[in-house]
C-alpha atoms as a PDB file:
ATOM      1  CA  MET A   1     115.296 121.450  80.140  1.00  0.00           C
ATOM      2  CA  LYS A   2     111.786 120.543  82.192  1.00  0.00           C
ATOM      3  CA  LYS A   3     112.436 116.924  80.574  1.00  0.00           C
ATOM      4  CA  VAL A   4     115.713 116.950  83.229  1.00  0.00           C
ATOM      5  CA  LEU A   5     114.466 118.603  86.136  1.00  0.00           C
ATOM      6  CA  PHE A   6     111.442 116.350  86.236  1.00  0.00           C
ATOM      7  CA  VAL A   7     114.188 112.961  85.870  1.00  0.00           C
ATOM      8  CA  MET A   8     116.478 114.705  87.959  1.00  0.00           C
ATOM      9  CA  MET A   9     112.887 115.535  90.384  1.00  0.00           C
ATOM     10  CA  LEU A  10     112.442 111.445  90.274  1.00  0.00           C
ATOM     11  CA  ILE A  11     115.611 110.600  90.990  1.00  0.00           C
ATOM     12  CA  TRP A  12     115.878 112.637  94.365  1.00  0.00           C
ATOM     13  CA  CYS A  13     112.285 111.102  95.193  1.00  0.00           C
ATOM     14  CA  GLY A  14     113.491 107.663  95.065  1.00  0.00           C
ATOM     15  CA  LEU A  15     117.040 108.298  97.007  1.00  0.00           C
ATOM     16  CA  ALA A  16     114.615 109.911  99.599  1.00  0.00           C
ATOM     17  CA  GLN A  17     112.406 107.298 100.003  1.00  0.00           C
ATOM     18  CA  ALA A  18     115.247 105.008 100.212  1.00  0.00           C
ATOM     19  CA  GLN A  19     116.605 106.416 102.999  1.00  0.00           C
ATOM     20  CA  THR A  20     112.735 106.665 105.015  1.00  0.00           C
ATOM     21  CA  ASN A  21     112.591 105.515 108.155  1.00  0.00           C
ATOM     22  CA  ILE A  22     109.026 105.824 107.811  1.00  0.00           C
ATOM     23  CA  MET A  23     107.239 102.559 107.700  1.00  0.00           C
ATOM     24  CA  LEU A  24     103.636 102.236 105.938  1.00  0.00           C
ATOM     25  CA  VAL A  25     101.215  99.719 106.877  1.00  0.00           C
ATOM     26  CA  SER A  26      97.471  99.948 105.365  1.00  0.00           C
ATOM     27  CA  LEU A  27      95.994 100.421 102.884  1.00  0.00           C
ATOM     28  CA  PRO A  28      99.153  98.062 101.547  1.00  0.00           C
ATOM     29  CA  ASP A  29     100.582  98.601  98.220  1.00  0.00           C
ATOM     30  CA  LYS A  30      98.367  98.409  95.139  1.00  0.00           C
ATOM     31  CA  ASP A  31      95.227  96.734  97.402  1.00  0.00           C
ATOM     32  CA  THR A  32      91.614  96.730  96.131  1.00  0.00           C
ATOM     33  CA  ILE A  33      88.971  98.026  98.260  1.00  0.00           C
ATOM     34  CA  ASP A  34      85.369  98.594  97.555  1.00  0.00           C
ATOM     35  CA  HIS A  35      84.531 101.166 100.087  1.00  0.00           C
ATOM     36  CA  ARG A  36      85.121 105.897 100.000  1.00  0.00           C
ATOM     37  CA  TYR A  37      86.056 105.840 103.429  1.00  0.00           C
ATOM     38  CA  PRO A  38      89.189 103.782 104.289  1.00  0.00           C
ATOM     39  CA  VAL A  39      91.748 104.008 107.596  1.00  0.00           C
ATOM     40  CA  PHE A  40      95.466 104.912 106.764  1.00  0.00           C
ATOM     41  CA  THR A  41      98.357 103.301 108.977  1.00  0.00           C
ATOM     42  CA  TRP A  42     101.755 104.283 109.547  1.00  0.00           C
ATOM     43  CA  PHE A  43     104.618 104.626 112.254  1.00  0.00           C
ATOM     44  CA  TYR A  44     107.682 105.821 112.652  1.00  0.00           C
ATOM     45  CA  THR A  45     110.797 103.356 113.374  1.00  0.00           C
ATOM     46  CA  GLN A  46     113.349 105.562 115.321  1.00  0.00           C
ATOM     47  CA  ALA A  47     113.104 107.236 118.416  1.00  0.00           C
ATOM     48  CA  PRO A  48     111.393 110.410 118.867  1.00  0.00           C
ATOM     49  CA  GLU A  49     113.934 113.722 118.783  1.00  0.00           C
ATOM     50  CA  GLY A  50     113.441 114.834 122.186  1.00  0.00           C
ATOM     51  CA  ARG A  51     110.699 117.956 122.434  1.00  0.00           C
ATOM     52  CA  GLU A  52     110.814 118.511 119.063  1.00  0.00           C
ATOM     53  CA  GLU A  53     107.109 118.947 117.362  1.00  0.00           C
ATOM     54  CA  ILE A  54     106.594 115.889 114.995  1.00  0.00           C
ATOM     55  CA  ARG A  55     103.494 116.230 112.465  1.00  0.00           C
ATOM     56  CA  TYR A  56     102.593 114.158 109.431  1.00  0.00           C
ATOM     57  CA  ASN A  57     101.884 115.760 106.308  1.00  0.00           C
ATOM     58  CA  TYR A  58      99.279 113.045 104.098  1.00  0.00           C
ATOM     59  CA  VAL A  59      98.822 113.158 100.125  1.00  0.00           C
ATOM     60  CA  LEU A  60      96.573 111.849  97.676  1.00  0.00           C
ATOM     61  CA  VAL A  61      96.346 111.936  93.942  1.00  0.00           C
ATOM     62  CA  GLN A  62      94.271 110.123  91.502  1.00  0.00           C
ATOM     63  CA  LEU A  63      96.363 108.338  89.369  1.00  0.00           C
ATOM     64  CA  ASP A  64      96.653 108.862  85.329  1.00  0.00           C
ATOM     65  CA  PRO A  65      96.966 105.396  83.784  1.00  0.00           C
ATOM     66  CA  ASN A  66      99.978 103.424  83.662  1.00  0.00           C
ATOM     67  CA  GLN A  67     101.112 106.296  85.860  1.00  0.00           C
ATOM     68  CA  SER A  68     103.240 105.000  89.056  1.00  0.00           C
ATOM     69  CA  ALA A  69     102.156 106.123  92.301  1.00  0.00           C
ATOM     70  CA  LEU A  70     105.536 107.964  93.312  1.00  0.00           C
ATOM     71  CA  ALA A  71     105.231 109.966  89.934  1.00  0.00           C
ATOM     72  CA  GLY A  72     101.475 110.936  90.864  1.00  0.00           C
ATOM     73  CA  VAL A  73     102.388 112.509  93.906  1.00  0.00           C
ATOM     74  CA  THR A  74     105.477 113.760  92.622  1.00  0.00           C
ATOM     75  CA  VAL A  75     103.403 116.190  89.482  1.00  0.00           C
ATOM     76  CA  ASN A  76     100.125 115.632  90.257  1.00  0.00           C
ATOM     77  CA  GLN A  77      98.085 117.917  92.057  1.00  0.00           C
ATOM     78  CA  PRO A  78      96.654 116.523  95.228  1.00  0.00           C
ATOM     79  CA  LEU A  79      92.760 115.158  95.225  1.00  0.00           C
ATOM     80  CA  LEU A  80      93.797 115.873  99.104  1.00  0.00           C
ATOM     81  CA  ARG A  81      96.419 116.905 101.633  1.00  0.00           C
ATOM     82  CA  ILE A  82      95.974 117.238 105.014  1.00  0.00           C
ATOM     83  CA  ASN A  83      98.878 118.538 107.232  1.00  0.00           C
ATOM     84  CA  GLY A  84      99.571 118.462 110.799  1.00  0.00           C
ATOM     85  CA  ILE A  85      98.269 114.964 112.173  1.00  0.00           C
ATOM     86  CA  SER A  86     100.204 113.912 115.110  1.00  0.00           C
ATOM     87  CA  GLY A  87      99.322 110.098 115.263  1.00  0.00           C
ATOM     88  CA  PHE A  88      99.565 107.250 113.303  1.00  0.00           C
ATOM     89  CA  GLN A  89      96.485 106.885 111.759  1.00  0.00           C
ATOM     90  CA  LEU A  90      93.777 108.637 109.141  1.00  0.00           C
ATOM     91  CA  VAL A  91      90.350 107.883 109.284  1.00  0.00           C
ATOM     92  CA  TYR A  92      89.800 108.803 105.393  1.00  0.00           C
ATOM     93  CA  PRO A  93      87.501 112.011 105.757  1.00  0.00           C
ATOM     94  CA  PHE A  94      83.593 112.357 105.149  1.00  0.00           C
ATOM     95  CA  ASP A  95      83.733 115.739 103.384  1.00  0.00           C
ATOM     96  CA  ALA A  96      86.833 115.446 101.552  1.00  0.00           C
ATOM     97  CA  PRO A  97      86.411 114.864  97.627  1.00  0.00           C
ATOM     98  CA  GLU A  98      84.267 111.459  97.324  1.00  0.00           C
ATOM     99  CA  LEU A  99      86.688 108.484  95.717  1.00  0.00           C
ATOM    100  CA  GLN A 100      85.599 106.969  92.343  1.00  0.00           C
ATOM    101  CA  TYR A 101      84.703 103.905  91.752  1.00  0.00           C
ATOM    102  CA  GLY A 102      87.832 102.422  89.204  1.00  0.00           C
ATOM    103  CA  LYS A 103      89.645 104.586  89.940  1.00  0.00           C
ATOM    104  CA  ARG A 104      93.213 104.169  90.809  1.00  0.00           C
ATOM    105  CA  TYR A 105      94.795 106.331  94.027  1.00  0.00           C
ATOM    106  CA  GLY A 106      98.501 106.936  95.011  1.00  0.00           C
ATOM    107  CA  TRP A 107      99.202 107.687  99.139  1.00  0.00           C
ATOM    108  CA  GLN A 108     102.223 109.177 100.953  1.00  0.00           C
ATOM    109  CA  LEU A 109     103.364 110.316 104.163  1.00  0.00           C
ATOM    110  CA  GLU A 110     105.816 113.501 105.245  1.00  0.00           C
ATOM    111  CA  LYS A 111     107.297 113.574 108.651  1.00  0.00           C
ATOM    112  CA  THR A 112     107.565 117.501 109.344  1.00  0.00           C
ATOM    113  CA  ILE A 113     109.212 118.535 112.867  1.00  0.00           C
ATOM    114  CA  ASN A 114     108.341 122.480 113.622  1.00  0.00           C
ATOM    115  CA  ASN A 115     106.255 122.512 110.101  1.00  0.00           C
ATOM    116  CA  VAL A 116     109.628 121.901 108.245  1.00  0.00           C
ATOM    117  CA  ILE A 117     109.537 118.909 106.160  1.00  0.00           C
ATOM    118  CA  PHE A 118     112.693 116.442 107.148  1.00  0.00           C
ATOM    119  CA  GLU A 119     111.658 113.154 105.250  1.00  0.00           C
ATOM    120  CA  LYS A 120     108.667 111.279 103.355  1.00  0.00           C
ATOM    121  CA  SER A 121     107.792 108.068 102.959  1.00  0.00           C
ATOM    122  CA  GLU A 122     107.398 105.211 100.071  1.00  0.00           C
ATOM    123  CA  ALA A 123     104.604 106.358  97.737  1.00  0.00           C
ATOM    124  CA  TRP A 124     101.509 103.531  97.322  1.00  0.00           C
ATOM    125  CA  GLU A 125      98.586 103.248  95.066  1.00  0.00           C
ATOM    126  CA  PHE A 126      95.154 101.952  95.705  1.00  0.00           C
ATOM    127  CA  THR A 127      92.016 100.786  93.629  1.00  0.00           C
ATOM    128  CA  LEU A 128      88.445 101.654  94.887  1.00  0.00           C
ATOM    129  CA  TYR A 129      85.827  98.526  92.802  1.00  0.00           C
ATOM    130  CA  ARG A 130      82.876  98.009  93.088  1.00  0.00           C
ATOM    131  CA  GLU A 131      81.002  95.057  91.297  1.00  0.00           C
ATOM    132  CA  VAL A 132      79.011  95.445  88.516  1.00  0.00           C
ATOM    133  CA  LEU A 133      76.505  92.811  88.043  1.00  0.00           C
ATOM    134  CA  LEU A 134      75.130  92.500  83.961  1.00  0.00           C
ATOM    135  CA  PRO A 135      72.323  92.826  82.591  1.00  0.00           C
ATOM    136  CA  ALA A 136      71.819  95.331  85.093  1.00  0.00           C
ATOM    137  CA  LYS A 137      71.020  98.030  82.351  1.00  0.00           C
ATOM    138  CA  TYR A 138      74.052  98.018  80.439  1.00  0.00           C
ATOM    139  CA  ALA A 139      78.802  98.409  79.669  1.00  0.00           C
ATOM    140  CA  LEU A 140      79.478 101.881  79.265  1.00  0.00           C
ATOM    141  CA  LEU A 141      83.065 101.595  77.689  1.00  0.00           C
ATOM    142  CA  ASN A 142      85.450 104.011  78.273  1.00  0.00           C
ATOM    143  CA  THR A 143      88.832 105.871  76.411  1.00  0.00           C
ATOM    144  CA  ASP A 144      91.009 105.568  79.324  1.00  0.00           C
ATOM    145  CA  TYR A 145      91.639 102.498  82.045  1.00  0.00           C
ATOM    146  CA  SER A 146      89.438 101.596  84.377  1.00  0.00           C
ATOM    147  CA  ALA A 147      89.418  98.724  86.788  1.00  0.00           C
ATOM    148  CA  THR A 148      85.585  97.874  86.773  1.00  0.00           C
ATOM    149  CA  ILE A 149      84.864  94.479  85.520  1.00  0.00           C
ATOM    150  CA  TYR A 150      81.298  93.755  85.050  1.00  0.00           C
ATOM    151  CA  ASP A 151      79.907  90.356  85.772  1.00  0.00           C
ATOM    152  CA  VAL A 152      77.822  88.714  83.384  1.00  0.00           C
ATOM    153  CA  THR A 153      75.071  86.827  84.583  1.00  0.00           C
ATOM    154  CA  ASP A 154      72.966  85.978  81.979  1.00  0.00           C
ATOM    155  CA  ASP A 155      74.115  84.995  77.521  1.00  0.00           C
ATOM    156  CA  GLY A 156      75.785  88.358  76.860  1.00  0.00           C
ATOM    157  CA  PHE A 157      75.112  91.843  77.928  1.00  0.00           C
ATOM    158  CA  PHE A 158      74.439  94.942  76.286  1.00  0.00           C
ATOM    159  CA  PHE A 159      76.910  97.667  75.926  1.00  0.00           C
ATOM    160  CA  LYS A 160      76.877 101.565  74.724  1.00  0.00           C
ATOM    161  CA  LEU A 161      79.361 103.376  73.095  1.00  0.00           C
ATOM    162  CA  PRO A 162      79.262 107.034  74.304  1.00  0.00           C
ATOM    163  CA  SER A 163      80.649 108.258  71.058  1.00  0.00           C
ATOM    164  CA  ARG A 164      79.144 111.553  69.101  1.00  0.00           C
ATOM    165  CA  TYR A 165      80.198 109.785  65.658  1.00  0.00           C
ATOM    166  CA  PRO A 166      76.640 107.320  64.338  1.00  0.00           C
ATOM    167  CA  VAL A 167      77.404 103.861  63.421  1.00  0.00           C
ATOM    168  CA  SER A 168      76.342 101.625  60.024  1.00  0.00           C
ATOM    169  CA  GLY A 169      75.832  98.593  61.209  1.00  0.00           C
ATOM    170  CA  ASN A 170      77.883  97.151  64.509  1.00  0.00           C
ATOM    171  CA  PRO A 171      80.823  98.767  65.485  1.00  0.00           C
ATOM    172  CA  LYS A 172      84.198  97.635  64.425  1.00  0.00           C
ATOM    173  CA  THR A 173      84.622  95.304  67.923  1.00  0.00           C
ATOM    174  CA  ARG A 174      87.411  92.983  69.238  1.00  0.00           C
ATOM    175  CA  ILE A 175      87.690  90.583  72.119  1.00  0.00           C
ATOM    176  CA  THR A 176      90.647  89.612  74.385  1.00  0.00           C
ATOM    177  CA  ASP A 177      90.961  86.761  77.186  1.00  0.00           C
ATOM    178  CA  ALA A 178      93.501  87.136  79.538  1.00  0.00           C
ATOM    179  CA  HIS A 179      96.406  85.825  78.085  1.00  0.00           C
ATOM    180  CA  GLY A 180      95.528  88.601  74.981  1.00  0.00           C
ATOM    181  CA  ASN A 181      94.345  85.490  72.846  1.00  0.00           C
ATOM    182  CA  GLU A 182      91.379  86.753  70.041  1.00  0.00           C
ATOM    183  CA  MET A 183      87.539  86.109  70.655  1.00  0.00           C
ATOM    184  CA  GLN A 184      84.560  85.153  67.968  1.00  0.00           C
ATOM    185  CA  VAL A 185      82.170  88.424  68.228  1.00  0.00           C
ATOM    186  CA  VAL A 186      79.106  87.926  68.002  1.00  0.00           C
ATOM    187  CA  PHE A 187      75.774  90.421  68.091  1.00  0.00           C
ATOM    188  CA  GLY A 188      73.081  89.533  69.161  1.00  0.00           C
ATOM    189  CA  GLN A 189      70.253  90.779  66.179  1.00  0.00           C
ATOM    190  CA  ASP A 190      66.966  90.871  68.141  1.00  0.00           C
ATOM    191  CA  LYS A 191      67.433  91.651  71.763  1.00  0.00           C
ATOM    192  CA  LYS A 192      66.134  95.179  72.638  1.00  0.00           C
ATOM    193  CA  LEU A 193      66.479  97.202  75.475  1.00  0.00           C
ATOM    194  CA  SER A 194      63.424  97.340  77.981  1.00  0.00           C
ATOM    195  CA  SER A 195      62.535 101.016  79.403  1.00  0.00           C
ATOM    196  CA  GLU A 196      63.076  99.888  82.226  1.00  0.00           C
ATOM    197  CA  GLU A 197      67.000  99.267  80.911  1.00  0.00           C
ATOM    198  CA  GLU A 198      67.167 102.482  79.235  1.00  0.00           C
ATOM    199  CA  PRO A 199      67.231 105.111  81.854  1.00  0.00           C
ATOM    200  CA  GLU A 200      68.581 107.746  79.075  1.00  0.00           C
ATOM    201  CA  LYS A 201      65.414 107.260  77.006  1.00  0.00           C
ATOM    202  CA  THR A 202      67.969 106.490  73.466  1.00  0.00           C
ATOM    203  CA  GLY A 203      68.580 103.336  71.139  1.00  0.00           C
ATOM    204  CA  ARG A 204      71.835 105.531  69.833  1.00  0.00           C
ATOM    205  CA  GLY A 205      75.082 103.277  70.514  1.00  0.00           C
ATOM    206  CA  PHE A 206      72.957 100.061  72.130  1.00  0.00           C
ATOM    207  CA  TYR A 207      74.563  96.500  70.844  1.00  0.00           C
ATOM    208  CA  TYR A 208      74.192  93.281  72.119  1.00  0.00           C
ATOM    209  CA  LEU A 209      76.960  91.030  72.914  1.00  0.00           C
ATOM    210  CA  GLN A 210      76.657  86.913  73.109  1.00  0.00           C
ATOM    211  CA  THR A 211      78.969  85.868  75.509  1.00  0.00           C
ATOM    212  CA  GLY A 212      77.270  82.523  75.714  1.00  0.00           C
ATOM    213  CA  SER A 213      79.757  80.754  74.389  1.00  0.00           C
ATOM    214  CA  TYR A 214      82.992  82.185  76.123  1.00  0.00           C
ATOM    215  CA  PRO A 215      85.185  79.970  78.723  1.00  0.00           C
ATOM    216  CA  SER A 216      84.860  81.482  82.601  1.00  0.00           C
ATOM    217  CA  GLY A 217      87.156  84.014  83.196  1.00  0.00           C
ATOM    218  CA  THR A 218      88.062  87.531  82.545  1.00  0.00           C
ATOM    219  CA  TYR A 219      87.865  89.121  78.507  1.00  0.00           C
ATOM    220  CA  SER A 220      88.139  93.067  77.780  1.00  0.00           C
ATOM    221  CA  LEU A 221      85.937  94.673  75.149  1.00  0.00           C
ATOM    222  CA  ILE A 222      87.758  97.105  73.222  1.00  0.00           C
ATOM    223  CA  VAL A 223      85.724  99.058  70.105  1.00  0.00           C
ATOM    224  CA  THR A 224      86.561 101.645  67.556  1.00  0.00           C
ATOM    225  CA  ASP A 225      84.168 104.375  66.751  1.00  0.00           C
ATOM    226  CA  PRO A 226      84.393 105.970  62.968  1.00  0.00           C
ATOM    227  CA  LYS A 227      86.324 108.347  64.245  1.00  0.00           C
ATOM    228  CA  GLY A 228      89.372 105.576  65.504  1.00  0.00           C
ATOM    229  CA  ASN A 229      88.536 106.774  68.921  1.00  0.00           C
ATOM    230  CA  VAL A 230      89.339 103.450  70.996  1.00  0.00           C
ATOM    231  CA  HIS A 231      86.816 102.536  73.733  1.00  0.00           C
ATOM    232  CA  ASN A 232      86.979  99.673  75.944  1.00  0.00           C
ATOM    233  CA  THR A 233      85.608  97.934  79.297  1.00  0.00           C
ATOM    234  CA  ARG A 234      86.088  94.417  80.408  1.00  0.00           C
ATOM    235  CA  PHE A 235      83.728  91.961  81.546  1.00  0.00           C
ATOM    236  CA  ARG A 236      84.069  88.514  83.854  1.00  0.00           C
ATOM    237  CA  ILE A 237      81.919  84.928  82.801  1.00  0.00           C
ATOM    238  CA  LYS A 238      81.894  82.967  86.061  1.00  0.00           C
END
């Protein structure tokens, strides 16, 4: 029953958005930005409704992996909600929850008249991304999707496997290029972290991956720990 209600809610939201007169302008849908305080703008395509008090509500959510912006603003707990905006612009507040690099966010506008919601805009998404150069300490693998891409500036780089389970030798590792082709995996045997490169003061879970023979492009690094948990990240060779 809950699943049916959820599907009906998505259908209703989709129909409502198809008829909306609220036009989102920026950030453009699926945009990638590198700053934590973006500016959101929109406008309304119809003439004002007399002397009615028209305001807008802004809703922002963090999206789960593979989740659409519409699904996110429909079911996720809002990260930020600002009601009663009188104009067509919002600068992300400095005292709002800080946006995180490597995360996707969905946002939507609600038009209200006398504090009653009359229609909603489309739901758009954006990604906050920051270039990370390697070698600069090490790449940290994640168990979920991350938009972070490490730029390799040497013949290889360190990565850390954040697993509680000890690995004997090198971990089970796959590398694929942008087309899904498997690449040869070669670990460095004598590469060591210096004290400056190792802020945690522990040598556990660090590995040096040699990438000097790889052509330019973006690659996915997928590592499976002894319990079968999959960790991943992406790196780029220019």
